[in-house]
Amino acid sequence: MGRIAGVGLATESASGDIDGLDRELARFTELGCDLAELSLQNMFVVAGGRLNLPELRKVEAVTQRHRLGYTAHGPLATNFMDEAHLELHRQVCAAMIEAAGALGATRLVVHGGVWHRPLPEAEIRRLARLEVESLAGLAEHAARHGVTIALEILPPLPSLPFSHDAFALAAQVAAVNHPAVGVTLDIGHAYMQATVRQQDFAATLAALSPHIVHIHLQDMFGRPDTVRTWSKGEKLAYGTGDLHAPPGWGDTPFERLLPALRPREGTTMILELAGHSMHHAAEAVAETKRLASLVGSG
């Protein structure tokens, strides 16, 4: 697969459903996945900013039964630009790094910074420095546990009104300047950001490219979530929002954009499918493997 070290799916099991996780990982193996992304935000492996060892051991017993490599996704709430709770965010992320390392996960996806109201540019820069300081402070901790922090570009959704665009996220990781900190390119999120900000999509990916250590693949139409819809089927019909659709269901120009990417060596790729699309997983995983082979081929 060239620059991509492995391809897999993200887990969707309900919180604490150890048996469900076991079934998922068995299915991923049957589908030919190399990897599984453990949704640590849906597990109980951290409590109050500390490892919750009894639950971690239960999860570990399941993961060790399957011949898969692992990545991990941290809490959606993590926000190193949230000054009021900054120390708690750091504690939780440090514990998540330890949990990821114990489970053999080489990447921990961490959400990029968010602010919830318009702010002066000087204030955004000040809060962005807090994020850089936080990531720099956690980088050696991550390296000791065999984990790379993968800062994810976020979609412009009503619940995430203000966040880094691709250029700003790349600048954040460059400022940290540590091999244990890189970028998660969620190609759908990047598509939405480029659309909403009227940026050239290829240029935004070029900015992120040298920092990429992890890729979330999904398909969509790059449209913001501005139409009031009443079901997942309606949302897909309108093509709005963060769809997590199988490759081929949207209009993301994978064939044109993926060959130009030059991510770091050992980059991992996870197909993030919405739960209602999992019955298409076999063909979606096969197509994701084909797309992975295109990365860096141009």
C-alpha atoms as a PDB file:
ATOM      1  CA  MET A   1       0.000   0.000   0.000  1.00  0.00           C
ATOM      2  CA  GLY A   2       2.964   2.320  -0.440  1.00  0.00           C
ATOM      3  CA  ARG A   3       2.944   5.120   2.123  1.00  0.00           C
ATOM      4  CA  ILE A   4       0.008   3.641   4.049  1.00  0.00           C
ATOM      5  CA  ALA A   5       1.073   1.087   6.663  1.00  0.00           C
ATOM      6  CA  GLY A   6      -2.376  -0.432   7.200  1.00  0.00           C
ATOM      7  CA  VAL A   7      -6.101  -0.006   6.628  1.00  0.00           C
ATOM      8  CA  GLY A   8      -8.996  -0.732   8.970  1.00  0.00           C
ATOM      9  CA  LEU A   9     -12.351   0.252  10.431  1.00  0.00           C
ATOM     10  CA  ALA A  10     -13.401   2.202  13.518  1.00  0.00           C
ATOM     11  CA  THR A  11     -15.268   0.429  16.309  1.00  0.00           C
ATOM     12  CA  GLU A  12     -18.843   1.462  17.094  1.00  0.00           C
ATOM     13  CA  SER A  13     -19.669  -0.699  20.133  1.00  0.00           C
ATOM     14  CA  ALA A  14     -21.785   0.882  22.835  1.00  0.00           C
ATOM     15  CA  SER A  15     -20.049   2.035  26.005  1.00  0.00           C
ATOM     16  CA  GLY A  16     -18.882  -0.905  28.073  1.00  0.00           C
ATOM     17  CA  ASP A  17     -20.062  -3.533  25.553  1.00  0.00           C
ATOM     18  CA  ILE A  18     -17.058  -5.858  25.735  1.00  0.00           C
ATOM     19  CA  ASP A  19     -18.848  -8.677  23.885  1.00  0.00           C
ATOM     20  CA  GLY A  20     -19.850  -6.252  21.148  1.00  0.00           C
ATOM     21  CA  LEU A  21     -16.251  -5.129  20.782  1.00  0.00           C
ATOM     22  CA  ASP A  22     -15.133  -8.750  20.479  1.00  0.00           C
ATOM     23  CA  ARG A  23     -17.659  -9.365  17.687  1.00  0.00           C
ATOM     24  CA  GLU A  24     -16.619  -6.192  15.878  1.00  0.00           C
ATOM     25  CA  LEU A  25     -12.934  -7.078  15.912  1.00  0.00           C
ATOM     26  CA  ALA A  26     -13.693 -10.594  14.688  1.00  0.00           C
ATOM     27  CA  ARG A  27     -15.723  -9.108  11.819  1.00  0.00           C
ATOM     28  CA  PHE A  28     -12.938  -6.650  10.952  1.00  0.00           C
ATOM     29  CA  THR A  29     -10.512  -9.567  10.708  1.00  0.00           C
ATOM     30  CA  GLU A  30     -12.904 -11.446   8.413  1.00  0.00           C
ATOM     31  CA  LEU A  31     -13.155  -8.359   6.197  1.00  0.00           C
ATOM     32  CA  GLY A  32      -9.378  -8.313   5.716  1.00  0.00           C
ATOM     33  CA  CYS A  33      -8.627  -5.275   7.869  1.00  0.00           C
ATOM     34  CA  ASP A  34      -5.073  -4.726   9.074  1.00  0.00           C
ATOM     35  CA  LEU A  35      -6.200  -2.334  11.819  1.00  0.00           C
ATOM     36  CA  ALA A  36      -9.049  -1.389  14.102  1.00  0.00           C
ATOM     37  CA  GLU A  37      -9.532   2.057  15.592  1.00  0.00           C
ATOM     38  CA  LEU A  38     -10.557   1.660  19.222  1.00  0.00           C
ATOM     39  CA  SER A  39     -13.111   4.308  20.124  1.00  0.00           C
ATOM     40  CA  LEU A  40     -11.719   5.059  23.571  1.00  0.00           C
ATOM     41  CA  GLN A  41     -14.278   7.849  23.908  1.00  0.00           C
ATOM     42  CA  ASN A  42     -16.918   5.094  24.048  1.00  0.00           C
ATOM     43  CA  MET A  43     -15.027   2.995  26.589  1.00  0.00           C
ATOM     44  CA  PHE A  44     -14.508   3.366  30.342  1.00  0.00           C
ATOM     45  CA  VAL A  45     -10.719   2.990  30.361  1.00  0.00           C
ATOM     46  CA  VAL A  46     -10.141   6.437  31.936  1.00  0.00           C
ATOM     47  CA  ALA A  47     -11.919   7.794  35.005  1.00  0.00           C
ATOM     48  CA  GLY A  48     -11.366  11.296  36.385  1.00  0.00           C
ATOM     49  CA  GLY A  49      -8.168  11.803  34.403  1.00  0.00           C
ATOM     50  CA  ARG A  50      -6.631   8.491  35.541  1.00  0.00           C
ATOM     51  CA  LEU A  51      -6.467   5.011  34.083  1.00  0.00           C
ATOM     52  CA  ASN A  52      -9.393   2.819  35.082  1.00  0.00           C
ATOM     53  CA  LEU A  53      -7.383  -0.391  35.254  1.00  0.00           C
ATOM     54  CA  PRO A  54     -10.190  -2.958  35.730  1.00  0.00           C
ATOM     55  CA  GLU A  55     -11.940  -1.799  32.563  1.00  0.00           C
ATOM     56  CA  LEU A  56      -8.673  -1.357  30.659  1.00  0.00           C
ATOM     57  CA  ARG A  57      -7.744  -4.981  31.420  1.00  0.00           C
ATOM     58  CA  LYS A  58     -11.128  -6.163  30.077  1.00  0.00           C
ATOM     59  CA  VAL A  59     -10.598  -4.292  26.826  1.00  0.00           C
ATOM     60  CA  GLU A  60      -6.999  -5.482  26.598  1.00  0.00           C
ATOM     61  CA  ALA A  61      -8.089  -9.108  26.970  1.00  0.00           C
ATOM     62  CA  VAL A  62     -10.367  -8.659  23.944  1.00  0.00           C
ATOM     63  CA  THR A  63      -7.885  -6.812  21.738  1.00  0.00           C
ATOM     64  CA  GLN A  64      -5.210  -9.434  22.343  1.00  0.00           C
ATOM     65  CA  ARG A  65      -7.496 -12.159  20.971  1.00  0.00           C
ATOM     66  CA  HIS A  66      -7.421 -10.632  17.488  1.00  0.00           C
ATOM     67  CA  ARG A  67      -4.609 -10.406  14.982  1.00  0.00           C
ATOM     68  CA  LEU A  68      -5.038  -6.735  14.284  1.00  0.00           C
ATOM     69  CA  GLY A  69      -2.979  -3.614  14.734  1.00  0.00           C
ATOM     70  CA  TYR A  70      -4.662  -0.767  16.579  1.00  0.00           C
ATOM     71  CA  THR A  71      -5.140   2.969  16.553  1.00  0.00           C
ATOM     72  CA  ALA A  72      -7.314   4.833  19.079  1.00  0.00           C
ATOM     73  CA  HIS A  73      -9.683   7.788  19.173  1.00  0.00           C
ATOM     74  CA  GLY A  74      -9.694  10.003  22.231  1.00  0.00           C
ATOM     75  CA  PRO A  75     -12.626  11.975  23.696  1.00  0.00           C
ATOM     76  CA  LEU A  76     -14.515  14.299  21.395  1.00  0.00           C
ATOM     77  CA  ALA A  77     -14.482  16.821  24.264  1.00  0.00           C
ATOM     78  CA  THR A  78     -10.702  17.286  24.275  1.00  0.00           C
ATOM     79  CA  ASN A  79      -9.974  20.934  23.553  1.00  0.00           C
ATOM     80  CA  PHE A  80      -6.620  22.488  24.396  1.00  0.00           C
ATOM     81  CA  MET A  81      -8.043  25.934  23.588  1.00  0.00           C
ATOM     82  CA  ASP A  82     -10.548  25.607  26.446  1.00  0.00           C
ATOM     83  CA  GLU A  83      -8.594  27.637  28.985  1.00  0.00           C
ATOM     84  CA  ALA A  84     -11.101  27.140  31.813  1.00  0.00           C
ATOM     85  CA  HIS A  85     -10.555  23.354  31.783  1.00  0.00           C
ATOM     86  CA  LEU A  86      -7.068  23.181  30.323  1.00  0.00           C
ATOM     87  CA  GLU A  87      -5.401  21.173  33.079  1.00  0.00           C
ATOM     88  CA  LEU A  88      -8.218  18.623  33.077  1.00  0.00           C
ATOM     89  CA  HIS A  89      -7.957  18.231  29.286  1.00  0.00           C
ATOM     90  CA  ARG A  90      -4.234  17.610  29.695  1.00  0.00           C
ATOM     91  CA  GLN A  91      -4.765  15.025  32.443  1.00  0.00           C
ATOM     92  CA  VAL A  92      -7.396  13.152  30.460  1.00  0.00           C
ATOM     93  CA  CYS A  93      -5.267  13.159  27.312  1.00  0.00           C
ATOM     94  CA  ALA A  94      -2.232  11.897  29.241  1.00  0.00           C
ATOM     95  CA  ALA A  95      -4.321   9.013  30.611  1.00  0.00           C
ATOM     96  CA  MET A  96      -5.726   8.282  27.150  1.00  0.00           C
ATOM     97  CA  ILE A  97      -2.160   8.092  25.833  1.00  0.00           C
ATOM     98  CA  GLU A  98      -1.364   5.543  28.533  1.00  0.00           C
ATOM     99  CA  ALA A  99      -4.492   3.541  27.677  1.00  0.00           C
ATOM    100  CA  ALA A 100      -3.694   3.628  23.961  1.00  0.00           C
ATOM    101  CA  GLY A 101      -0.147   2.469  24.627  1.00  0.00           C
ATOM    102  CA  ALA A 102      -1.322  -0.376  26.871  1.00  0.00           C
ATOM    103  CA  LEU A 103      -3.668  -1.547  24.099  1.00  0.00           C
ATOM    104  CA  GLY A 104      -0.942  -1.419  21.454  1.00  0.00           C
ATOM    105  CA  ALA A 105      -2.435   1.542  19.591  1.00  0.00           C
ATOM    106  CA  THR A 106       0.171   3.518  17.675  1.00  0.00           C
ATOM    107  CA  ARG A 107      -1.995   6.608  17.061  1.00  0.00           C
ATOM    108  CA  LEU A 108      -4.272   8.561  19.388  1.00  0.00           C
ATOM    109  CA  VAL A 109      -6.658  10.847  17.520  1.00  0.00           C
ATOM    110  CA  VAL A 110      -7.102  14.124  19.418  1.00  0.00           C
ATOM    111  CA  HIS A 111      -9.482  16.857  18.300  1.00  0.00           C
ATOM    112  CA  GLY A 112      -8.067  20.207  17.297  1.00  0.00           C
ATOM    113  CA  GLY A 113      -8.992  23.337  19.191  1.00  0.00           C
ATOM    114  CA  VAL A 114     -12.516  24.787  19.177  1.00  0.00           C
ATOM    115  CA  TRP A 115     -13.947  28.127  20.269  1.00  0.00           C
ATOM    116  CA  HIS A 116     -17.658  28.782  20.477  1.00  0.00           C
ATOM    117  CA  ARG A 117     -18.034  32.474  19.705  1.00  0.00           C
ATOM    118  CA  PRO A 118     -16.277  34.960  17.439  1.00  0.00           C
ATOM    119  CA  LEU A 119     -12.978  36.119  18.948  1.00  0.00           C
ATOM    120  CA  PRO A 120     -10.409  38.749  17.985  1.00  0.00           C
ATOM    121  CA  GLU A 121      -7.473  37.323  16.044  1.00  0.00           C
ATOM    122  CA  ALA A 122      -5.089  38.151  18.895  1.00  0.00           C
ATOM    123  CA  GLU A 123      -7.198  36.084  21.307  1.00  0.00           C
ATOM    124  CA  ILE A 124      -7.352  33.150  18.897  1.00  0.00           C
ATOM    125  CA  ARG A 125      -3.562  33.253  18.597  1.00  0.00           C
ATOM    126  CA  ARG A 126      -3.206  33.321  22.382  1.00  0.00           C
ATOM    127  CA  LEU A 127      -5.446  30.281  22.825  1.00  0.00           C
ATOM    128  CA  ALA A 128      -3.691  28.535  19.946  1.00  0.00           C
ATOM    129  CA  ARG A 129      -0.414  28.943  21.854  1.00  0.00           C
ATOM    130  CA  LEU A 130      -2.014  27.113  24.796  1.00  0.00           C
ATOM    131  CA  GLU A 131      -2.773  24.230  22.446  1.00  0.00           C
ATOM    132  CA  VAL A 132       0.810  24.140  21.176  1.00  0.00           C
ATOM    133  CA  GLU A 133       2.131  24.203  24.744  1.00  0.00           C
ATOM    134  CA  SER A 134      -0.218  21.380  25.738  1.00  0.00           C
ATOM    135  CA  LEU A 135       0.763  19.191  22.810  1.00  0.00           C
ATOM    136  CA  ALA A 136       4.455  19.885  23.342  1.00  0.00           C
ATOM    137  CA  GLY A 137       4.072  18.967  27.008  1.00  0.00           C
ATOM    138  CA  LEU A 138       2.396  15.654  26.128  1.00  0.00           C
ATOM    139  CA  ALA A 139       4.678  14.712  23.231  1.00  0.00           C
ATOM    140  CA  GLU A 140       7.420  12.968  25.231  1.00  0.00           C
ATOM    141  CA  HIS A 141       4.788  11.182  27.329  1.00  0.00           C
ATOM    142  CA  ALA A 142       3.266   9.880  24.094  1.00  0.00           C
ATOM    143  CA  ALA A 143       6.642   8.829  22.715  1.00  0.00           C
ATOM    144  CA  ARG A 144       7.429   6.849  25.873  1.00  0.00           C
ATOM    145  CA  HIS A 145       4.201   4.886  25.391  1.00  0.00           C
ATOM    146  CA  GLY A 146       4.786   4.226  21.687  1.00  0.00           C
ATOM    147  CA  VAL A 147       1.938   6.533  20.682  1.00  0.00           C
ATOM    148  CA  THR A 148       1.774   9.395  18.192  1.00  0.00           C
ATOM    149  CA  ILE A 149      -0.761  12.138  18.941  1.00  0.00           C
ATOM    150  CA  ALA A 150      -2.715  12.765  15.734  1.00  0.00           C
ATOM    151  CA  LEU A 151      -4.447  16.171  15.837  1.00  0.00           C
ATOM    152  CA  GLU A 152      -7.654  15.966  13.810  1.00  0.00           C
ATOM    153  CA  ILE A 153      -9.056  18.627  11.515  1.00  0.00           C
ATOM    154  CA  LEU A 154     -12.687  19.184  12.498  1.00  0.00           C
ATOM    155  CA  PRO A 155     -15.786  19.831  10.367  1.00  0.00           C
ATOM    156  CA  PRO A 156     -17.618  23.175  10.471  1.00  0.00           C
ATOM    157  CA  LEU A 157     -20.799  21.976  12.168  1.00  0.00           C
ATOM    158  CA  PRO A 158     -23.293  23.881  14.363  1.00  0.00           C
ATOM    159  CA  SER A 159     -21.799  22.125  17.413  1.00  0.00           C
ATOM    160  CA  LEU A 160     -18.254  23.095  16.318  1.00  0.00           C
ATOM    161  CA  PRO A 161     -18.748  26.653  15.090  1.00  0.00           C
ATOM    162  CA  PHE A 162     -15.099  27.774  15.095  1.00  0.00           C
ATOM    163  CA  SER A 163     -12.042  25.552  14.670  1.00  0.00           C
ATOM    164  CA  HIS A 164      -8.727  25.456  12.819  1.00  0.00           C
ATOM    165  CA  ASP A 165      -8.777  25.306   9.060  1.00  0.00           C
ATOM    166  CA  ALA A 166      -6.164  23.120   7.369  1.00  0.00           C
ATOM    167  CA  PHE A 167      -3.531  25.859   7.186  1.00  0.00           C
ATOM    168  CA  ALA A 168      -3.886  26.753  10.868  1.00  0.00           C
ATOM    169  CA  LEU A 169      -3.858  23.094  11.956  1.00  0.00           C
ATOM    170  CA  ALA A 170      -0.688  22.468   9.964  1.00  0.00           C
ATOM    171  CA  ALA A 171       0.889  25.515  11.606  1.00  0.00           C
ATOM    172  CA  GLN A 172      -0.028  24.191  15.065  1.00  0.00           C
ATOM    173  CA  VAL A 173       1.701  20.859  14.471  1.00  0.00           C
ATOM    174  CA  ALA A 174       4.701  22.575  12.880  1.00  0.00           C
ATOM    175  CA  ALA A 175       5.005  24.795  15.966  1.00  0.00           C
ATOM    176  CA  VAL A 176       5.029  21.744  18.268  1.00  0.00           C
ATOM    177  CA  ASN A 177       7.814  20.286  16.096  1.00  0.00           C
ATOM    178  CA  HIS A 178       7.929  16.828  17.700  1.00  0.00           C
ATOM    179  CA  PRO A 179       7.839  13.450  15.904  1.00  0.00           C
ATOM    180  CA  ALA A 180       5.200  12.162  18.340  1.00  0.00           C
ATOM    181  CA  VAL A 181       2.705  14.830  17.212  1.00  0.00           C
ATOM    182  CA  GLY A 182       1.138  14.850  13.750  1.00  0.00           C
ATOM    183  CA  VAL A 183      -2.123  15.368  11.894  1.00  0.00           C
ATOM    184  CA  THR A 184      -5.198  13.211  11.409  1.00  0.00           C
ATOM    185  CA  LEU A 185      -6.516  14.079   7.985  1.00  0.00           C
ATOM    186  CA  ASP A 186     -10.239  13.413   8.028  1.00  0.00           C
ATOM    187  CA  ILE A 187     -10.699  13.962   4.332  1.00  0.00           C
ATOM    188  CA  GLY A 188     -14.416  14.682   4.737  1.00  0.00           C
ATOM    189  CA  HIS A 189     -13.825  17.279   7.429  1.00  0.00           C
ATOM    190  CA  ALA A 190     -11.157  18.910   5.275  1.00  0.00           C
ATOM    191  CA  TYR A 191     -13.570  18.937   2.323  1.00  0.00           C
ATOM    192  CA  MET A 192     -16.227  20.718   4.383  1.00  0.00           C
ATOM    193  CA  GLN A 193     -13.723  23.229   5.750  1.00  0.00           C
ATOM    194  CA  ALA A 194     -12.475  24.055   2.256  1.00  0.00           C
ATOM    195  CA  THR A 195     -16.025  24.447   0.955  1.00  0.00           C
ATOM    196  CA  VAL A 196     -17.237  26.679   3.776  1.00  0.00           C
ATOM    197  CA  ARG A 197     -14.091  28.841   3.752  1.00  0.00           C
ATOM    198  CA  GLN A 198     -13.991  28.950  -0.072  1.00  0.00           C
ATOM    199  CA  GLN A 199     -10.473  27.516  -0.123  1.00  0.00           C
ATOM    200  CA  ASP A 200      -8.878  25.364  -2.794  1.00  0.00           C
ATOM    201  CA  PHE A 201      -9.279  21.805  -1.492  1.00  0.00           C
ATOM    202  CA  ALA A 202      -6.042  20.556  -3.053  1.00  0.00           C
ATOM    203  CA  ALA A 203      -4.101  23.462  -1.510  1.00  0.00           C
ATOM    204  CA  THR A 204      -5.461  22.707   1.961  1.00  0.00           C
ATOM    205  CA  LEU A 205      -4.398  19.061   1.651  1.00  0.00           C
ATOM    206  CA  ALA A 206      -0.951  20.127   0.450  1.00  0.00           C
ATOM    207  CA  ALA A 207      -0.547  22.204   3.621  1.00  0.00           C
ATOM    208  CA  LEU A 208      -1.456  19.239   5.831  1.00  0.00           C
ATOM    209  CA  SER A 209       0.398  16.616   3.806  1.00  0.00           C
ATOM    210  CA  PRO A 210       3.868  16.597   5.427  1.00  0.00           C
ATOM    211  CA  HIS A 211       2.337  16.411   8.913  1.00  0.00           C
ATOM    212  CA  ILE A 212      -0.145  13.575   8.263  1.00  0.00           C
ATOM    213  CA  VAL A 213       0.337  10.450  10.389  1.00  0.00           C
ATOM    214  CA  HIS A 214      -3.222   9.136  10.238  1.00  0.00           C
ATOM    215  CA  ILE A 215      -6.118   9.357   7.779  1.00  0.00           C
ATOM    216  CA  HIS A 216      -9.843   9.024   8.368  1.00  0.00           C
ATOM    217  CA  LEU A 217     -11.483   8.097   5.098  1.00  0.00           C
ATOM    218  CA  GLN A 218     -15.175   8.754   4.481  1.00  0.00           C
ATOM    219  CA  ASP A 219     -17.223  10.058   1.576  1.00  0.00           C
ATOM    220  CA  MET A 220     -19.516  13.086   1.512  1.00  0.00           C
ATOM    221  CA  PHE A 221     -20.379  16.136  -0.558  1.00  0.00           C
ATOM    222  CA  GLY A 222     -18.517  18.813   1.415  1.00  0.00           C
ATOM    223  CA  ARG A 223     -21.765  20.649   2.189  1.00  0.00           C
ATOM    224  CA  PRO A 224     -22.334  22.227   5.603  1.00  0.00           C
ATOM    225  CA  ASP A 225     -25.122  20.944   7.816  1.00  0.00           C
ATOM    226  CA  THR A 226     -27.496  23.824   7.077  1.00  0.00           C
ATOM    227  CA  VAL A 227     -30.654  21.983   5.942  1.00  0.00           C
ATOM    228  CA  ARG A 228     -32.994  20.779   8.677  1.00  0.00           C
ATOM    229  CA  THR A 229     -33.360  17.049   8.049  1.00  0.00           C
ATOM    230  CA  TRP A 230     -35.206  14.420  10.058  1.00  0.00           C
ATOM    231  CA  SER A 231     -33.313  11.197   9.451  1.00  0.00           C
ATOM    232  CA  LYS A 232     -29.962   9.858   8.305  1.00  0.00           C
ATOM    233  CA  GLY A 233     -31.596   8.930   5.012  1.00  0.00           C
ATOM    234  CA  GLU A 234     -32.718  12.533   4.501  1.00  0.00           C
ATOM    235  CA  LYS A 235     -29.273  13.831   5.398  1.00  0.00           C
ATOM    236  CA  LEU A 236     -27.724  11.575   2.764  1.00  0.00           C
ATOM    237  CA  ALA A 237     -30.417  12.582   0.253  1.00  0.00           C
ATOM    238  CA  TYR A 238     -29.477  16.236   0.717  1.00  0.00           C
ATOM    239  CA  GLY A 239     -25.767  15.438   0.976  1.00  0.00           C
ATOM    240  CA  THR A 240     -25.251  17.707   3.971  1.00  0.00           C
ATOM    241  CA  GLY A 241     -23.070  17.370   7.036  1.00  0.00           C
ATOM    242  CA  ASP A 242     -20.548  14.825   8.270  1.00  0.00           C
ATOM    243  CA  LEU A 243     -21.973  11.765   6.493  1.00  0.00           C
ATOM    244  CA  HIS A 244     -19.349   9.056   7.090  1.00  0.00           C
ATOM    245  CA  ALA A 245     -20.584   7.382   3.917  1.00  0.00           C
ATOM    246  CA  PRO A 246     -18.825   4.543   2.068  1.00  0.00           C
ATOM    247  CA  PRO A 247     -16.452   5.535  -0.756  1.00  0.00           C
ATOM    248  CA  GLY A 248     -18.460   6.184  -3.897  1.00  0.00           C
ATOM    249  CA  TRP A 249     -21.587   7.477  -2.146  1.00  0.00           C
ATOM    250  CA  GLY A 250     -20.412  11.094  -2.191  1.00  0.00           C
ATOM    251  CA  ASP A 251     -18.362  13.196  -4.586  1.00  0.00           C
ATOM    252  CA  THR A 252     -15.015  13.493  -2.763  1.00  0.00           C
ATOM    253  CA  PRO A 253     -12.386  13.570  -5.550  1.00  0.00           C
ATOM    254  CA  PHE A 254     -10.207  10.786  -4.107  1.00  0.00           C
ATOM    255  CA  GLU A 255      -8.657   9.798  -7.443  1.00  0.00           C
ATOM    256  CA  ARG A 256      -7.433  13.335  -8.078  1.00  0.00           C
ATOM    257  CA  LEU A 257      -6.272  14.243  -4.567  1.00  0.00           C
ATOM    258  CA  LEU A 258      -4.811  11.140  -2.916  1.00  0.00           C
ATOM    259  CA  PRO A 259      -1.846  10.671  -5.319  1.00  0.00           C
ATOM    260  CA  ALA A 260      -0.521  14.123  -4.371  1.00  0.00           C
ATOM    261  CA  LEU A 261      -0.453  13.400  -0.625  1.00  0.00           C
ATOM    262  CA  ARG A 262       2.980  12.819   0.927  1.00  0.00           C
ATOM    263  CA  PRO A 263       2.204  11.774   4.517  1.00  0.00           C
ATOM    264  CA  ARG A 264       4.804  10.607   7.001  1.00  0.00           C
ATOM    265  CA  GLU A 265       6.116   7.069   6.818  1.00  0.00           C
ATOM    266  CA  GLY A 266       3.938   4.577   8.670  1.00  0.00           C
ATOM    267  CA  THR A 267       0.719   6.538   8.177  1.00  0.00           C
ATOM    268  CA  THR A 268      -2.397   4.546   9.046  1.00  0.00           C
ATOM    269  CA  MET A 269      -5.823   4.767   7.389  1.00  0.00           C
ATOM    270  CA  ILE A 270      -9.181   4.120   9.041  1.00  0.00           C
ATOM    271  CA  LEU A 271     -12.500   3.965   7.207  1.00  0.00           C
ATOM    272  CA  GLU A 272     -15.071   5.686   9.413  1.00  0.00           C
ATOM    273  CA  LEU A 273     -18.502   4.370   8.460  1.00  0.00           C
ATOM    274  CA  ALA A 274     -21.787   5.469   9.979  1.00  0.00           C
ATOM    275  CA  GLY A 275     -23.424   2.507  11.701  1.00  0.00           C
ATOM    276  CA  HIS A 276     -26.239   2.254   9.147  1.00  0.00           C
ATOM    277  CA  SER A 277     -23.626   1.758   6.399  1.00  0.00           C
ATOM    278  CA  MET A 278     -21.845  -1.180   8.033  1.00  0.00           C
ATOM    279  CA  HIS A 279     -23.726  -3.707   5.897  1.00  0.00           C
ATOM    280  CA  HIS A 280     -21.662  -2.291   3.009  1.00  0.00           C
ATOM    281  CA  ALA A 281     -18.406  -2.792   4.924  1.00  0.00           C
ATOM    282  CA  ALA A 282     -16.961  -5.592   2.765  1.00  0.00           C
ATOM    283  CA  GLU A 283     -16.982  -3.596  -0.479  1.00  0.00           C
ATOM    284  CA  ALA A 284     -16.104  -0.389   1.379  1.00  0.00           C
ATOM    285  CA  VAL A 285     -12.983  -1.915   2.955  1.00  0.00           C
ATOM    286  CA  ALA A 286     -11.881  -3.313  -0.419  1.00  0.00           C
ATOM    287  CA  GLU A 287     -12.322   0.111  -2.016  1.00  0.00           C
ATOM    288  CA  THR A 288     -10.488   1.804   0.863  1.00  0.00           C
ATOM    289  CA  LYS A 289      -7.518  -0.497   0.328  1.00  0.00           C
ATOM    290  CA  ARG A 290      -7.489   0.480  -3.351  1.00  0.00           C
ATOM    291  CA  LEU A 291      -7.623   4.166  -2.451  1.00  0.00           C
ATOM    292  CA  ALA A 292      -4.832   3.677   0.086  1.00  0.00           C
ATOM    293  CA  SER A 293      -2.610   2.408  -2.713  1.00  0.00           C
ATOM    294  CA  LEU A 294      -3.088   5.740  -4.510  1.00  0.00           C
ATOM    295  CA  VAL A 295      -1.648   7.824  -1.656  1.00  0.00           C
ATOM    296  CA  GLY A 296       1.667   9.314  -2.731  1.00  0.00           C
ATOM    297  CA  SER A 297       1.572   7.631  -6.131  1.00  0.00           C
ATOM    298  CA  GLY A 298       1.470  10.809  -8.179  1.00  0.00           C
END
